[in-house]
């Protein structure tokens, strides 16, 4: 009977391995398909918030320069050729400027010192 028990244990291990591999494959397929789908969904708008309040919403297709001056500081946001970037900010670390261009739904530029968020949404 010990041989039968060993075969069952080996069989379970093989089945468990197959199940684990199947779960990993499904997870990878879901991640890749989500990325591919987001790449083809046209981003529709740029939402700018300051201090958790919506400041302005602009179509991503519109070319626009937005200057925001408030008690937190000054930021210049550029929307051009369906890309968004922070051209200038007078914050100390300039992380928002260094972020570069964003183009896809869900991407954001954040300026923490100025409490400013720029997000692309569909």
C-alpha atoms as a PDB file:
ATOM      1  CA  UNK A   1       0.000   0.000   0.000  1.00  0.00           C
ATOM      2  CA  UNK A   2       2.876   2.357   0.511  1.00  0.00           C
ATOM      3  CA  UNK A   3       3.609   2.231  -3.257  1.00  0.00           C
ATOM      4  CA  UNK A   4       0.007   3.242  -3.998  1.00  0.00           C
ATOM      5  CA  UNK A   5       0.231   6.131  -1.539  1.00  0.00           C
ATOM      6  CA  UNK A   6       3.469   7.312  -3.157  1.00  0.00           C
ATOM      7  CA  UNK A   7       1.830   7.221  -6.612  1.00  0.00           C
ATOM      8  CA  UNK A   8      -1.113   9.255  -5.327  1.00  0.00           C
ATOM      9  CA  UNK A   9       1.206  11.799  -3.749  1.00  0.00           C
ATOM     10  CA  UNK A  10       3.257  12.003  -6.955  1.00  0.00           C
ATOM     11  CA  UNK A  11       0.033  12.347  -8.961  1.00  0.00           C
ATOM     12  CA  UNK A  12      -1.171  15.159  -6.743  1.00  0.00           C
ATOM     13  CA  UNK A  13       2.134  16.934  -7.043  1.00  0.00           C
ATOM     14  CA  UNK A  14       1.959  16.692 -10.828  1.00  0.00           C
ATOM     15  CA  UNK A  15      -1.630  17.990 -10.819  1.00  0.00           C
ATOM     16  CA  UNK A  16      -0.692  20.793  -8.447  1.00  0.00           C
ATOM     17  CA  UNK A  17       2.206  21.788 -10.702  1.00  0.00           C
ATOM     18  CA  UNK A  18      -0.105  21.848 -13.724  1.00  0.00           C
ATOM     19  CA  UNK A  19      -2.615  23.950 -11.795  1.00  0.00           C
ATOM     20  CA  UNK A  20       0.074  26.426 -10.750  1.00  0.00           C
ATOM     21  CA  UNK A  21       1.379  26.704 -14.310  1.00  0.00           C
ATOM     22  CA  UNK A  22      -2.174  27.201 -15.608  1.00  0.00           C
ATOM     23  CA  UNK A  23      -2.846  29.974 -13.066  1.00  0.00           C
ATOM     24  CA  UNK A  24       0.409  31.727 -13.988  1.00  0.00           C
ATOM     25  CA  UNK A  25      -0.357  31.490 -17.713  1.00  0.00           C
ATOM     26  CA  UNK A  26      -3.857  32.923 -17.189  1.00  0.00           C
ATOM     27  CA  UNK A  27      -2.455  35.767 -15.049  1.00  0.00           C
ATOM     28  CA  UNK A  28       0.146  36.655 -17.685  1.00  0.00           C
ATOM     29  CA  UNK A  29      -2.458  36.579 -20.469  1.00  0.00           C
ATOM     30  CA  UNK A  30      -4.772  38.869 -18.465  1.00  0.00           C
ATOM     31  CA  UNK A  31      -1.941  41.344 -17.770  1.00  0.00           C
ATOM     32  CA  UNK A  32      -0.811  41.420 -21.400  1.00  0.00           C
ATOM     33  CA  UNK A  33      -4.331  41.748 -22.778  1.00  0.00           C
ATOM     34  CA  UNK A  34      -5.054  44.622 -20.385  1.00  0.00           C
ATOM     35  CA  UNK A  35      -1.940  46.449 -21.529  1.00  0.00           C
ATOM     36  CA  UNK A  36      -2.729  45.829 -25.191  1.00  0.00           C
ATOM     37  CA  UNK A  37      -6.340  46.936 -24.788  1.00  0.00           C
ATOM     38  CA  UNK A  38      -5.293  50.161 -23.009  1.00  0.00           C
ATOM     39  CA  UNK A  39      -2.847  50.889 -25.820  1.00  0.00           C
ATOM     40  CA  UNK A  40      -5.676  50.872 -28.372  1.00  0.00           C
ATOM     41  CA  UNK A  41      -8.326  52.689 -26.334  1.00  0.00           C
ATOM     42  CA  UNK A  42      -8.142  56.318 -27.323  1.00  0.00           C
ATOM     43  CA  UNK A  43      -7.587  58.574 -24.355  1.00  0.00           C
ATOM     44  CA  UNK A  44     -10.205  61.275 -24.317  1.00  0.00           C
ATOM     45  CA  UNK A  45      -9.468  63.953 -21.767  1.00  0.00           C
ATOM     46  CA  UNK A  46      -6.955  65.483 -19.435  1.00  0.00           C
ATOM     47  CA  UNK A  47      -8.218  66.176 -15.922  1.00  0.00           C
ATOM     48  CA  UNK A  48      -6.288  68.721 -13.875  1.00  0.00           C
ATOM     49  CA  UNK A  49      -6.902  68.908 -10.143  1.00  0.00           C
ATOM     50  CA  UNK A  50      -5.474  71.309  -7.597  1.00  0.00           C
ATOM     51  CA  UNK A  51      -5.928  70.627  -3.902  1.00  0.00           C
ATOM     52  CA  UNK A  52      -8.376  67.767  -4.606  1.00  0.00           C
ATOM     53  CA  UNK A  53     -10.674  70.070  -6.602  1.00  0.00           C
ATOM     54  CA  UNK A  54     -11.084  69.776 -10.343  1.00  0.00           C
ATOM     55  CA  UNK A  55      -9.394  72.774 -11.917  1.00  0.00           C
ATOM     56  CA  UNK A  56      -9.950  72.084 -15.610  1.00  0.00           C
ATOM     57  CA  UNK A  57     -10.784  69.292 -18.044  1.00  0.00           C
ATOM     58  CA  UNK A  58      -9.400  69.487 -21.575  1.00  0.00           C
ATOM     59  CA  UNK A  59      -9.682  67.185 -24.580  1.00  0.00           C
ATOM     60  CA  UNK A  60      -6.436  65.347 -25.251  1.00  0.00           C
ATOM     61  CA  UNK A  61      -6.895  66.186 -28.937  1.00  0.00           C
ATOM     62  CA  UNK A  62      -6.748  69.904 -28.160  1.00  0.00           C
ATOM     63  CA  UNK A  63      -3.392  71.678 -28.258  1.00  0.00           C
ATOM     64  CA  UNK A  64      -3.235  73.955 -25.242  1.00  0.00           C
ATOM     65  CA  UNK A  65      -0.873  75.663 -22.811  1.00  0.00           C
ATOM     66  CA  UNK A  66      -2.272  75.945 -19.302  1.00  0.00           C
ATOM     67  CA  UNK A  67      -0.690  78.209 -16.714  1.00  0.00           C
ATOM     68  CA  UNK A  68      -1.720  77.558 -13.127  1.00  0.00           C
ATOM     69  CA  UNK A  69      -0.761  80.167 -10.562  1.00  0.00           C
ATOM     70  CA  UNK A  70      -2.061  79.820  -7.020  1.00  0.00           C
ATOM     71  CA  UNK A  71      -0.991  79.931  -3.377  1.00  0.00           C
ATOM     72  CA  UNK A  72       1.031  76.714  -3.887  1.00  0.00           C
ATOM     73  CA  UNK A  73       3.099  77.974  -6.809  1.00  0.00           C
ATOM     74  CA  UNK A  74       3.179  78.054 -10.605  1.00  0.00           C
ATOM     75  CA  UNK A  75       2.941  75.205 -13.103  1.00  0.00           C
ATOM     76  CA  UNK A  76       2.799  75.257 -16.892  1.00  0.00           C
ATOM     77  CA  UNK A  77       1.117  72.253 -18.503  1.00  0.00           C
ATOM     78  CA  UNK A  78       1.346  71.573 -22.235  1.00  0.00           C
ATOM     79  CA  UNK A  79      -1.152  69.443 -24.145  1.00  0.00           C
ATOM     80  CA  UNK A  80       0.074  68.899 -27.684  1.00  0.00           C
ATOM     81  CA  UNK A  81      -0.256  66.125 -30.283  1.00  0.00           C
ATOM     82  CA  UNK A  82      -2.212  63.971 -27.790  1.00  0.00           C
ATOM     83  CA  UNK A  83       0.641  64.163 -25.273  1.00  0.00           C
ATOM     84  CA  UNK A  84       0.774  65.955 -21.932  1.00  0.00           C
ATOM     85  CA  UNK A  85       3.795  67.225 -20.056  1.00  0.00           C
ATOM     86  CA  UNK A  86       4.746  69.716 -17.373  1.00  0.00           C
ATOM     87  CA  UNK A  87       6.795  72.352 -19.133  1.00  0.00           C
ATOM     88  CA  UNK A  88       7.703  74.287 -16.018  1.00  0.00           C
ATOM     89  CA  UNK A  89       7.107  74.274 -12.272  1.00  0.00           C
ATOM     90  CA  UNK A  90       8.626  76.385  -9.515  1.00  0.00           C
ATOM     91  CA  UNK A  91       8.521  73.542  -6.986  1.00  0.00           C
ATOM     92  CA  UNK A  92      11.835  72.600  -5.357  1.00  0.00           C
ATOM     93  CA  UNK A  93      12.306  69.056  -6.707  1.00  0.00           C
ATOM     94  CA  UNK A  94      10.842  69.375 -10.258  1.00  0.00           C
ATOM     95  CA  UNK A  95       9.729  65.703 -10.228  1.00  0.00           C
ATOM     96  CA  UNK A  96       6.633  66.674 -12.204  1.00  0.00           C
ATOM     97  CA  UNK A  97       8.768  68.230 -14.958  1.00  0.00           C
ATOM     98  CA  UNK A  98      11.148  65.259 -14.993  1.00  0.00           C
ATOM     99  CA  UNK A  99       8.202  62.879 -15.448  1.00  0.00           C
ATOM    100  CA  UNK A 100       8.172  63.700 -19.151  1.00  0.00           C
ATOM    101  CA  UNK A 101       5.286  63.118 -21.535  1.00  0.00           C
ATOM    102  CA  UNK A 102       2.244  61.009 -20.768  1.00  0.00           C
ATOM    103  CA  UNK A 103       0.000  59.643 -23.518  1.00  0.00           C
ATOM    104  CA  UNK A 104      -2.155  56.784 -22.211  1.00  0.00           C
ATOM    105  CA  UNK A 105      -5.327  56.496 -20.182  1.00  0.00           C
ATOM    106  CA  UNK A 106      -4.546  56.186 -16.481  1.00  0.00           C
ATOM    107  CA  UNK A 107      -1.166  57.911 -16.611  1.00  0.00           C
ATOM    108  CA  UNK A 108      -0.592  60.902 -14.332  1.00  0.00           C
ATOM    109  CA  UNK A 109       1.793  63.702 -13.577  1.00  0.00           C
ATOM    110  CA  UNK A 110       1.829  64.750  -9.927  1.00  0.00           C
ATOM    111  CA  UNK A 111       3.332  67.842  -8.316  1.00  0.00           C
ATOM    112  CA  UNK A 112       3.072  67.169  -4.586  1.00  0.00           C
ATOM    113  CA  UNK A 113       4.367  70.541  -3.354  1.00  0.00           C
ATOM    114  CA  UNK A 114       1.728  72.316  -5.468  1.00  0.00           C
ATOM    115  CA  UNK A 115      -1.007  69.735  -4.774  1.00  0.00           C
ATOM    116  CA  UNK A 116      -1.522  69.376  -8.517  1.00  0.00           C
ATOM    117  CA  UNK A 117      -2.442  66.259 -10.480  1.00  0.00           C
ATOM    118  CA  UNK A 118      -2.729  65.874 -14.248  1.00  0.00           C
ATOM    119  CA  UNK A 119      -4.415  62.626 -15.310  1.00  0.00           C
ATOM    120  CA  UNK A 120      -5.361  61.230 -18.693  1.00  0.00           C
ATOM    121  CA  UNK A 121      -8.822  59.676 -18.650  1.00  0.00           C
ATOM    122  CA  UNK A 122     -11.108  58.134 -21.282  1.00  0.00           C
END
